[in-house]
Amino acid sequence: MTGKGNHEAITLAVLLVSAICGPADAADRIRIGYSSISGAYTPIWVAHDAGFFAKEGLQDDIILIPSGTQLAQVTVAGEIDIGSLNAARRSPRRCREPI
């Protein structure tokens, strides 16, 4: 992801969180789960380190749940507020190749 793409992803994440949570009290907490240690989750950590969540009055808890299946389950159960699953991507060159 390029620098511009990271900026767009961070902006989208902050807007999404703001829209979901609405106005926040000082004690509001948002729990964000992610399923692996990879560059795909850079926007979450950049938003955390830059203080974007705190600026919106949110205490962010970023939680590693190493199984995508478990992450989906805890998200549906409401134990975390946002579940960020890493989706596999195919490059355009590979998409044209027969499977």
PDB file of N, CA and C in Angstrom:
ATOM      1  N   MET A   1       0.846  -1.158   0.000  1.00  0.00           N
ATOM      2  CA  MET A   1       0.000   0.000   0.000  1.00  0.00           C
ATOM      3  C   MET A   1       0.900   1.232   0.000  1.00  0.00           C
ATOM      4  N   THR A   2       0.605   2.196  -0.803  1.00  0.00           N
ATOM      5  CA  THR A   2       1.426   3.387  -0.900  1.00  0.00           C
ATOM      6  C   THR A   2       1.125   4.328   0.254  1.00  0.00           C
ATOM      7  N   GLY A   3       1.928   5.391   0.373  1.00  0.00           N
ATOM      8  CA  GLY A   3       1.712   6.375   1.415  1.00  0.00           C
ATOM      9  C   GLY A   3       0.330   6.988   1.332  1.00  0.00           C
ATOM     10  N   LYS A   4      -0.095   7.312   0.116  1.00  0.00           N
ATOM     11  CA  LYS A   4      -1.429   7.887  -0.077  1.00  0.00           C
ATOM     12  C   LYS A   4      -2.495   6.865   0.298  1.00  0.00           C
ATOM     13  N   GLY A   5      -2.275   5.610  -0.064  1.00  0.00           N
ATOM     14  CA  GLY A   5      -3.232   4.555   0.280  1.00  0.00           C
ATOM     15  C   GLY A   5      -3.351   4.372   1.788  1.00  0.00           C
ATOM     16  N   ASN A   6      -2.214   4.457   2.514  1.00  0.00           N
ATOM     17  CA  ASN A   6      -2.253   4.353   3.970  1.00  0.00           C
ATOM     18  C   ASN A   6      -3.055   5.500   4.565  1.00  0.00           C
ATOM     19  N   HIS A   7      -2.820   6.694   4.053  1.00  0.00           N
ATOM     20  CA  HIS A   7      -3.534   7.869   4.561  1.00  0.00           C
ATOM     21  C   HIS A   7      -5.042   7.708   4.338  1.00  0.00           C
ATOM     22  N   GLU A   8      -5.410   7.224   3.171  1.00  0.00           N
ATOM     23  CA  GLU A   8      -6.824   7.016   2.871  1.00  0.00           C
ATOM     24  C   GLU A   8      -7.425   5.941   3.768  1.00  0.00           C
ATOM     25  N   ALA A   9      -6.673   4.874   4.014  1.00  0.00           N
ATOM     26  CA  ALA A   9      -7.168   3.792   4.867  1.00  0.00           C
ATOM     27  C   ALA A   9      -7.340   4.275   6.306  1.00  0.00           C
ATOM     28  N   ILE A  10      -6.408   5.078   6.793  1.00  0.00           N
ATOM     29  CA  ILE A  10      -6.500   5.605   8.151  1.00  0.00           C
ATOM     30  C   ILE A  10      -7.706   6.531   8.261  1.00  0.00           C
ATOM     31  N   THR A  11      -7.860   7.411   7.281  1.00  0.00           N
ATOM     32  CA  THR A  11      -8.989   8.330   7.289  1.00  0.00           C
ATOM     33  C   THR A  11     -10.301   7.559   7.272  1.00  0.00           C
ATOM     34  N   LEU A  12     -10.379   6.532   6.430  1.00  0.00           N
ATOM     35  CA  LEU A  12     -11.580   5.714   6.362  1.00  0.00           C
ATOM     36  C   LEU A  12     -11.852   5.022   7.695  1.00  0.00           C
ATOM     37  N   ALA A  13     -10.806   4.496   8.324  1.00  0.00           N
ATOM     38  CA  ALA A  13     -10.970   3.809   9.610  1.00  0.00           C
ATOM     39  C   ALA A  13     -11.488   4.764  10.677  1.00  0.00           C
ATOM     40  N   VAL A  14     -10.921   5.968  10.734  1.00  0.00           N
ATOM     41  CA  VAL A  14     -11.361   6.944  11.734  1.00  0.00           C
ATOM     42  C   VAL A  14     -12.801   7.374  11.470  1.00  0.00           C
ATOM     43  N   LEU A  15     -13.148   7.608  10.208  1.00  0.00           N
ATOM     44  CA  LEU A  15     -14.519   7.989   9.882  1.00  0.00           C
ATOM     45  C   LEU A  15     -15.496   6.871  10.218  1.00  0.00           C
ATOM     46  N   LEU A  16     -15.102   5.638   9.916  1.00  0.00           N
ATOM     47  CA  LEU A  16     -15.952   4.492  10.223  1.00  0.00           C
ATOM     48  C   LEU A  16     -16.193   4.378  11.722  1.00  0.00           C
ATOM     49  N   VAL A  17     -15.129   4.509  12.490  1.00  0.00           N
ATOM     50  CA  VAL A  17     -15.252   4.428  13.943  1.00  0.00           C
ATOM     51  C   VAL A  17     -16.135   5.560  14.455  1.00  0.00           C
ATOM     52  N   SER A  18     -15.935   6.760  13.932  1.00  0.00           N
ATOM     53  CA  SER A  18     -16.740   7.912  14.360  1.00  0.00           C
ATOM     54  C   SER A  18     -18.211   7.708  14.023  1.00  0.00           C
ATOM     55  N   ALA A  19     -18.491   7.181  12.843  1.00  0.00           N
ATOM     56  CA  ALA A  19     -19.874   6.970  12.425  1.00  0.00           C
ATOM     57  C   ALA A  19     -20.546   5.882  13.262  1.00  0.00           C
ATOM     58  N   ILE A  20     -19.812   4.836  13.575  1.00  0.00           N
ATOM     59  CA  ILE A  20     -20.383   3.735  14.347  1.00  0.00           C
ATOM     60  C   ILE A  20     -20.628   4.159  15.788  1.00  0.00           C
ATOM     61  N   CYS A  21     -19.668   4.850  16.355  1.00  0.00           N
ATOM     62  CA  CYS A  21     -19.723   5.169  17.777  1.00  0.00           C
ATOM     63  C   CYS A  21     -20.483   6.448  18.085  1.00  0.00           C
ATOM     64  N   GLY A  22     -20.572   7.371  17.124  1.00  0.00           N
ATOM     65  CA  GLY A  22     -21.211   8.651  17.382  1.00  0.00           C
ATOM     66  C   GLY A  22     -20.381   9.462  18.352  1.00  0.00           C
ATOM     67  N   PRO A  23     -20.971  10.458  19.004  1.00  0.00           N
ATOM     68  CA  PRO A  23     -20.227  11.258  19.970  1.00  0.00           C
ATOM     69  C   PRO A  23     -19.754  10.381  21.118  1.00  0.00           C
ATOM     70  N   ALA A  24     -18.526  10.592  21.541  1.00  0.00           N
ATOM     71  CA  ALA A  24     -17.934   9.726  22.557  1.00  0.00           C
ATOM     72  C   ALA A  24     -17.749  10.468  23.868  1.00  0.00           C
ATOM     73  N   ASP A  25     -18.026   9.784  24.975  1.00  0.00           N
ATOM     74  CA  ASP A  25     -17.689  10.302  26.290  1.00  0.00           C
ATOM     75  C   ASP A  25     -16.233   9.964  26.561  1.00  0.00           C
ATOM     76  N   ALA A  26     -15.650  10.610  27.566  1.00  0.00           N
ATOM     77  CA  ALA A  26     -14.231  10.404  27.857  1.00  0.00           C
ATOM     78  C   ALA A  26     -13.926   8.947  28.200  1.00  0.00           C
ATOM     79  N   ALA A  27     -14.911   8.216  28.720  1.00  0.00           N
ATOM     80  CA  ALA A  27     -14.663   6.847  29.157  1.00  0.00           C
ATOM     81  C   ALA A  27     -14.996   5.811  28.086  1.00  0.00           C
ATOM     82  N   ASP A  28     -15.352   6.225  26.868  1.00  0.00           N
ATOM     83  CA  ASP A  28     -15.708   5.258  25.831  1.00  0.00           C
ATOM     84  C   ASP A  28     -14.493   4.458  25.391  1.00  0.00           C
ATOM     85  N   ARG A  29     -14.738   3.196  25.139  1.00  0.00           N
ATOM     86  CA  ARG A  29     -13.670   2.292  24.726  1.00  0.00           C
ATOM     87  C   ARG A  29     -14.079   1.607  23.439  1.00  0.00           C
ATOM     88  N   ILE A  30     -13.112   1.428  22.551  1.00  0.00           N
ATOM     89  CA  ILE A  30     -13.352   0.678  21.322  1.00  0.00           C
ATOM     90  C   ILE A  30     -12.354  -0.476  21.289  1.00  0.00           C
ATOM     91  N   ARG A  31     -12.875  -1.663  21.057  1.00  0.00           N
ATOM     92  CA  ARG A  31     -12.038  -2.869  21.003  1.00  0.00           C
ATOM     93  C   ARG A  31     -11.908  -3.300  19.555  1.00  0.00           C
ATOM     94  N   ILE A  32     -10.678  -3.330  19.068  1.00  0.00           N
ATOM     95  CA  ILE A  32     -10.401  -3.681  17.676  1.00  0.00           C
ATOM     96  C   ILE A  32      -9.585  -4.970  17.675  1.00  0.00           C
ATOM     97  N   GLY A  33     -10.107  -5.979  16.995  1.00  0.00           N
ATOM     98  CA  GLY A  33      -9.404  -7.246  16.901  1.00  0.00           C
ATOM     99  C   GLY A  33      -8.784  -7.400  15.526  1.00  0.00           C
ATOM    100  N   TYR A  34      -7.610  -8.028  15.478  1.00  0.00           N
ATOM    101  CA  TYR A  34      -6.970  -8.343  14.207  1.00  0.00           C
ATOM    102  C   TYR A  34      -6.427  -9.761  14.286  1.00  0.00           C
ATOM    103  N   SER A  35      -6.276 -10.401  13.106  1.00  0.00           N
ATOM    104  CA  SER A  35      -6.037 -11.844  13.106  1.00  0.00           C
ATOM    105  C   SER A  35      -4.602 -12.291  12.840  1.00  0.00           C
ATOM    106  N   SER A  36      -3.711 -11.390  12.466  1.00  0.00           N
ATOM    107  CA  SER A  36      -2.326 -11.812  12.248  1.00  0.00           C
ATOM    108  C   SER A  36      -1.412 -10.603  12.305  1.00  0.00           C
ATOM    109  N   ILE A  37      -0.138 -10.870  12.461  1.00  0.00           N
ATOM    110  CA  ILE A  37       0.850  -9.795  12.458  1.00  0.00           C
ATOM    111  C   ILE A  37       1.286  -9.618  11.015  1.00  0.00           C
ATOM    112  N   SER A  38       0.789  -8.541  10.391  1.00  0.00           N
ATOM    113  CA  SER A  38       1.115  -8.296   8.990  1.00  0.00           C
ATOM    114  C   SER A  38       0.959  -6.814   8.680  1.00  0.00           C
ATOM    115  N   GLY A  39       1.503  -6.418   7.568  1.00  0.00           N
ATOM    116  CA  GLY A  39       1.418  -5.032   7.135  1.00  0.00           C
ATOM    117  C   GLY A  39       0.007  -4.595   6.808  1.00  0.00           C
ATOM    118  N   ALA A  40      -0.906  -5.538   6.636  1.00  0.00           N
ATOM    119  CA  ALA A  40      -2.295  -5.203   6.312  1.00  0.00           C
ATOM    120  C   ALA A  40      -2.963  -4.410   7.430  1.00  0.00           C
ATOM    121  N   TYR A  41      -2.425  -4.516   8.636  1.00  0.00           N
ATOM    122  CA  TYR A  41      -3.027  -3.842   9.783  1.00  0.00           C
ATOM    123  C   TYR A  41      -2.296  -2.559  10.164  1.00  0.00           C
ATOM    124  N   THR A  42      -1.394  -2.111   9.321  1.00  0.00           N
ATOM    125  CA  THR A  42      -0.649  -0.882   9.583  1.00  0.00           C
ATOM    126  C   THR A  42      -1.559   0.308   9.875  1.00  0.00           C
ATOM    127  N   PRO A  43      -2.647   0.513   9.119  1.00  0.00           N
ATOM    128  CA  PRO A  43      -3.494   1.675   9.409  1.00  0.00           C
ATOM    129  C   PRO A  43      -4.045   1.701  10.836  1.00  0.00           C
ATOM    130  N   ILE A  44      -4.353   0.543  11.400  1.00  0.00           N
ATOM    131  CA  ILE A  44      -4.854   0.498  12.771  1.00  0.00           C
ATOM    132  C   ILE A  44      -3.791   1.011  13.732  1.00  0.00           C
ATOM    133  N   TRP A  45      -2.556   0.519  13.554  1.00  0.00           N
ATOM    134  CA  TRP A  45      -1.475   0.916  14.460  1.00  0.00           C
ATOM    135  C   TRP A  45      -1.062   2.368  14.244  1.00  0.00           C
ATOM    136  N   VAL A  46      -1.084   2.841  13.012  1.00  0.00           N
ATOM    137  CA  VAL A  46      -0.756   4.246  12.746  1.00  0.00           C
ATOM    138  C   VAL A  46      -1.802   5.142  13.405  1.00  0.00           C
ATOM    139  N   ALA A  47      -3.070   4.785  13.286  1.00  0.00           N
ATOM    140  CA  ALA A  47      -4.132   5.568  13.923  1.00  0.00           C
ATOM    141  C   ALA A  47      -3.957   5.576  15.440  1.00  0.00           C
ATOM    142  N   HIS A  48      -3.569   4.429  15.998  1.00  0.00           N
ATOM    143  CA  HIS A  48      -3.327   4.334  17.438  1.00  0.00           C
ATOM    144  C   HIS A  48      -2.143   5.215  17.847  1.00  0.00           C
ATOM    145  N   ASP A  49      -1.016   5.047  17.153  1.00  0.00           N
ATOM    146  CA  ASP A  49       0.194   5.796  17.501  1.00  0.00           C
ATOM    147  C   ASP A  49       0.049   7.292  17.266  1.00  0.00           C
ATOM    148  N   ALA A  50      -0.734   7.684  16.268  1.00  0.00           N
ATOM    149  CA  ALA A  50      -0.935   9.108  15.976  1.00  0.00           C
ATOM    150  C   ALA A  50      -1.975   9.734  16.910  1.00  0.00           C
ATOM    151  N   GLY A  51      -2.641   8.921  17.703  1.00  0.00           N
ATOM    152  CA  GLY A  51      -3.610   9.439  18.666  1.00  0.00           C
ATOM    153  C   GLY A  51      -4.964   9.788  18.076  1.00  0.00           C
ATOM    154  N   PHE A  52      -5.282   9.222  16.903  1.00  0.00           N
ATOM    155  CA  PHE A  52      -6.565   9.533  16.275  1.00  0.00           C
ATOM    156  C   PHE A  52      -7.753   9.094  17.132  1.00  0.00           C
ATOM    157  N   PHE A  53      -7.636   7.930  17.752  1.00  0.00           N
ATOM    158  CA  PHE A  53      -8.735   7.446  18.589  1.00  0.00           C
ATOM    159  C   PHE A  53      -8.883   8.325  19.831  1.00  0.00           C
ATOM    160  N   ALA A  54      -7.766   8.641  20.473  1.00  0.00           N
ATOM    161  CA  ALA A  54      -7.797   9.498  21.665  1.00  0.00           C
ATOM    162  C   ALA A  54      -8.364  10.872  21.336  1.00  0.00           C
ATOM    163  N   LYS A  55      -8.037  11.387  20.158  1.00  0.00           N
ATOM    164  CA  LYS A  55      -8.548  12.688  19.731  1.00  0.00           C
ATOM    165  C   LYS A  55     -10.070  12.679  19.658  1.00  0.00           C
ATOM    166  N   GLU A  56     -10.644  11.527  19.349  1.00  0.00           N
ATOM    167  CA  GLU A  56     -12.100  11.385  19.292  1.00  0.00           C
ATOM    168  C   GLU A  56     -12.697  10.964  20.633  1.00  0.00           C
ATOM    169  N   GLY A  57     -11.858  10.920  21.670  1.00  0.00           N
ATOM    170  CA  GLY A  57     -12.337  10.566  23.001  1.00  0.00           C
ATOM    171  C   GLY A  57     -12.501   9.079  23.223  1.00  0.00           C
ATOM    172  N   LEU A  58     -11.781   8.272  22.468  1.00  0.00           N
ATOM    173  CA  LEU A  58     -11.896   6.814  22.573  1.00  0.00           C
ATOM    174  C   LEU A  58     -10.626   6.216  23.164  1.00  0.00           C
ATOM    175  N   GLN A  59     -10.814   5.269  24.050  1.00  0.00           N
ATOM    176  CA  GLN A  59      -9.695   4.456  24.518  1.00  0.00           C
ATOM    177  C   GLN A  59      -9.680   3.229  23.625  1.00  0.00           C
ATOM    178  N   ASP A  60      -8.615   3.061  22.842  1.00  0.00           N
ATOM    179  CA  ASP A  60      -8.570   1.946  21.902  1.00  0.00           C
ATOM    180  C   ASP A  60      -7.809   0.768  22.489  1.00  0.00           C
ATOM    181  N   ASP A  61      -8.436  -0.383  22.422  1.00  0.00           N
ATOM    182  CA  ASP A  61      -7.814  -1.641  22.811  1.00  0.00           C
ATOM    183  C   ASP A  61      -7.648  -2.453  21.538  1.00  0.00           C
ATOM    184  N   ILE A  62      -6.406  -2.670  21.130  1.00  0.00           N
ATOM    185  CA  ILE A  62      -6.127  -3.430  19.914  1.00  0.00           C
ATOM    186  C   ILE A  62      -5.705  -4.827  20.356  1.00  0.00           C
ATOM    187  N   ILE A  63      -6.472  -5.815  19.923  1.00  0.00           N
ATOM    188  CA  ILE A  63      -6.337  -7.173  20.441  1.00  0.00           C
ATOM    189  C   ILE A  63      -5.988  -8.140  19.311  1.00  0.00           C
ATOM    190  N   LEU A  64      -4.910  -8.890  19.486  1.00  0.00           N
ATOM    191  CA  LEU A  64      -4.533  -9.933  18.531  1.00  0.00           C
ATOM    192  C   LEU A  64      -5.320 -11.196  18.852  1.00  0.00           C
ATOM    193  N   ILE A  65      -6.086 -11.654  17.874  1.00  0.00           N
ATOM    194  CA  ILE A  65      -6.797 -12.930  17.970  1.00  0.00           C
ATOM    195  C   ILE A  65      -6.283 -13.755  16.790  1.00  0.00           C
ATOM    196  N   PRO A  66      -5.346 -14.675  17.041  1.00  0.00           N
ATOM    197  CA  PRO A  66      -4.585 -15.301  15.952  1.00  0.00           C
ATOM    198  C   PRO A  66      -5.355 -16.230  15.016  1.00  0.00           C
ATOM    199  N   SER A  67      -6.627 -16.393  15.215  1.00  0.00           N
ATOM    200  CA  SER A  67      -7.420 -17.236  14.321  1.00  0.00           C
ATOM    201  C   SER A  67      -8.515 -16.383  13.693  1.00  0.00           C
ATOM    202  N   GLY A  68      -8.567 -16.381  12.360  1.00  0.00           N
ATOM    203  CA  GLY A  68      -9.610 -15.633  11.666  1.00  0.00           C
ATOM    204  C   GLY A  68     -11.002 -16.109  12.032  1.00  0.00           C
ATOM    205  N   THR A  69     -11.150 -17.405  12.243  1.00  0.00           N
ATOM    206  CA  THR A  69     -12.449 -17.970  12.625  1.00  0.00           C
ATOM    207  C   THR A  69     -12.873 -17.447  13.991  1.00  0.00           C
ATOM    208  N   GLN A  70     -11.939 -17.471  14.949  1.00  0.00           N
ATOM    209  CA  GLN A  70     -12.255 -16.960  16.285  1.00  0.00           C
ATOM    210  C   GLN A  70     -12.537 -15.460  16.249  1.00  0.00           C
ATOM    211  N   LEU A  71     -11.794 -14.727  15.417  1.00  0.00           N
ATOM    212  CA  LEU A  71     -12.019 -13.291  15.300  1.00  0.00           C
ATOM    213  C   LEU A  71     -13.428 -13.006  14.785  1.00  0.00           C
ATOM    214  N   ALA A  72     -13.852 -13.752  13.782  1.00  0.00           N
ATOM    215  CA  ALA A  72     -15.213 -13.584  13.261  1.00  0.00           C
ATOM    216  C   ALA A  72     -16.251 -13.908  14.344  1.00  0.00           C
ATOM    217  N   GLN A  73     -15.995 -14.949  15.124  1.00  0.00           N
ATOM    218  CA  GLN A  73     -16.940 -15.355  16.168  1.00  0.00           C
ATOM    219  C   GLN A  73     -17.064 -14.301  17.269  1.00  0.00           C
ATOM    220  N   VAL A  74     -15.929 -13.766  17.741  1.00  0.00           N
ATOM    221  CA  VAL A  74     -16.003 -12.772  18.811  1.00  0.00           C
ATOM    222  C   VAL A  74     -16.580 -11.449  18.305  1.00  0.00           C
ATOM    223  N   THR A  75     -16.408 -11.167  17.013  1.00  0.00           N
ATOM    224  CA  THR A  75     -17.012  -9.964  16.442  1.00  0.00           C
ATOM    225  C   THR A  75     -18.534 -10.101  16.406  1.00  0.00           C
ATOM    226  N   VAL A  76     -19.007 -11.236  15.917  1.00  0.00           N
ATOM    227  CA  VAL A  76     -20.452 -11.480  15.843  1.00  0.00           C
ATOM    228  C   VAL A  76     -21.065 -11.527  17.247  1.00  0.00           C
ATOM    229  N   ALA A  77     -20.325 -12.066  18.208  1.00  0.00           N
ATOM    230  CA  ALA A  77     -20.824 -12.162  19.577  1.00  0.00           C
ATOM    231  C   ALA A  77     -20.825 -10.811  20.289  1.00  0.00           C
ATOM    232  N   GLY A  78     -20.185  -9.807  19.704  1.00  0.00           N
ATOM    233  CA  GLY A  78     -20.159  -8.484  20.311  1.00  0.00           C
ATOM    234  C   GLY A  78     -19.087  -8.298  21.365  1.00  0.00           C
ATOM    235  N   GLU A  79     -18.143  -9.240  21.447  1.00  0.00           N
ATOM    236  CA  GLU A  79     -17.075  -9.127  22.426  1.00  0.00           C
ATOM    237  C   GLU A  79     -16.020  -8.105  22.012  1.00  0.00           C
ATOM    238  N   ILE A  80     -15.932  -7.818  20.713  1.00  0.00           N
ATOM    239  CA  ILE A  80     -15.101  -6.722  20.221  1.00  0.00           C
ATOM    240  C   ILE A  80     -15.975  -5.868  19.314  1.00  0.00           C
ATOM    241  N   ASP A  81     -15.564  -4.623  19.118  1.00  0.00           N
ATOM    242  CA  ASP A  81     -16.377  -3.701  18.328  1.00  0.00           C
ATOM    243  C   ASP A  81     -16.085  -3.795  16.840  1.00  0.00           C
ATOM    244  N   ILE A  82     -14.809  -3.993  16.486  1.00  0.00           N
ATOM    245  CA  ILE A  82     -14.410  -4.085  15.079  1.00  0.00           C
ATOM    246  C   ILE A  82     -13.467  -5.271  14.933  1.00  0.00           C
ATOM    247  N   GLY A  83     -13.745  -6.123  13.948  1.00  0.00           N
ATOM    248  CA  GLY A  83     -12.861  -7.235  13.632  1.00  0.00           C
ATOM    249  C   GLY A  83     -12.234  -6.988  12.274  1.00  0.00           C
ATOM    250  N   SER A  84     -10.936  -6.912  12.238  1.00  0.00           N
ATOM    251  CA  SER A  84     -10.233  -6.646  10.981  1.00  0.00           C
ATOM    252  C   SER A  84      -9.587  -7.945  10.504  1.00  0.00           C
ATOM    253  N   LEU A  85     -10.199  -8.560   9.518  1.00  0.00           N
ATOM    254  CA  LEU A  85      -9.695  -9.817   8.956  1.00  0.00           C
ATOM    255  C   LEU A  85      -8.840  -9.525   7.736  1.00  0.00           C
ATOM    256  N   ASN A  86      -7.763 -10.241   7.571  1.00  0.00           N
ATOM    257  CA  ASN A  86      -6.867 -10.065   6.431  1.00  0.00           C
ATOM    258  C   ASN A  86      -7.375 -10.914   5.277  1.00  0.00           C
ATOM    259  N   ALA A  87      -7.808 -10.258   4.222  1.00  0.00           N
ATOM    260  CA  ALA A  87      -8.309 -10.979   3.048  1.00  0.00           C
ATOM    261  C   ALA A  87      -7.169 -11.224   2.071  1.00  0.00           C
ATOM    262  N   ALA A  88      -7.121 -12.401   1.509  1.00  0.00           N
ATOM    263  CA  ALA A  88      -6.102 -12.709   0.505  1.00  0.00           C
ATOM    264  C   ALA A  88      -6.409 -11.934  -0.772  1.00  0.00           C
ATOM    265  N   ARG A  89      -5.373 -11.433  -1.399  1.00  0.00           N
ATOM    266  CA  ARG A  89      -5.550 -10.678  -2.641  1.00  0.00           C
ATOM    267  C   ARG A  89      -4.776 -11.357  -3.754  1.00  0.00           C
ATOM    268  N   ARG A  90      -5.295 -11.218  -4.959  1.00  0.00           N
ATOM    269  CA  ARG A  90      -4.596 -11.740  -6.132  1.00  0.00           C
ATOM    270  C   ARG A  90      -4.124 -10.567  -6.955  1.00  0.00           C
ATOM    271  N   SER A  91      -2.917 -10.660  -7.439  1.00  0.00           N
ATOM    272  CA  SER A  91      -2.407  -9.574  -8.271  1.00  0.00           C
ATOM    273  C   SER A  91      -3.116  -9.618  -9.628  1.00  0.00           C
ATOM    274  N   PRO A  92      -3.232  -8.463 -10.307  1.00  0.00           N
ATOM    275  CA  PRO A  92      -3.907  -8.453 -11.619  1.00  0.00           C
ATOM    276  C   PRO A  92      -3.279  -9.434 -12.612  1.00  0.00           C
ATOM    277  N   ARG A  93      -1.961  -9.593 -12.550  1.00  0.00           N
ATOM    278  CA  ARG A  93      -1.294 -10.517 -13.460  1.00  0.00           C
ATOM    279  C   ARG A  93      -1.776 -11.937 -13.206  1.00  0.00           C
ATOM    280  N   ARG A  94      -1.905 -12.316 -11.967  1.00  0.00           N
ATOM    281  CA  ARG A  94      -2.330 -13.675 -11.643  1.00  0.00           C
ATOM    282  C   ARG A  94      -3.805 -13.883 -11.943  1.00  0.00           C
ATOM    283  N   CYS A  95      -4.597 -12.844 -11.910  1.00  0.00           N
ATOM    284  CA  CYS A  95      -6.042 -12.985 -12.178  1.00  0.00           C
ATOM    285  C   CYS A  95      -6.282 -13.395 -13.635  1.00  0.00           C
ATOM    286  N   ARG A  96      -5.362 -13.045 -14.516  1.00  0.00           N
ATOM    287  CA  ARG A  96      -5.541 -13.384 -15.916  1.00  0.00           C
ATOM    288  C   ARG A  96      -5.084 -14.791 -16.242  1.00  0.00           C
ATOM    289  N   GLU A  97      -4.338 -15.379 -15.325  1.00  0.00           N
ATOM    290  CA  GLU A  97      -3.850 -16.736 -15.576  1.00  0.00           C
ATOM    291  C   GLU A  97      -4.968 -17.735 -15.288  1.00  0.00           C
ATOM    292  N   PRO A  98      -5.071 -18.786 -16.073  1.00  0.00           N
ATOM    293  CA  PRO A  98      -6.088 -19.813 -15.789  1.00  0.00           C
ATOM    294  C   PRO A  98      -5.774 -20.521 -14.479  1.00  0.00           C
ATOM    295  N   ILE A  99      -6.808 -20.919 -13.829  1.00  0.00           N
ATOM    296  CA  ILE A  99      -6.641 -21.609 -12.520  1.00  0.00           C
ATOM    297  C   ILE A  99      -6.497 -23.085 -12.742  1.00  0.00           C
TER     298      ILE A  99
END
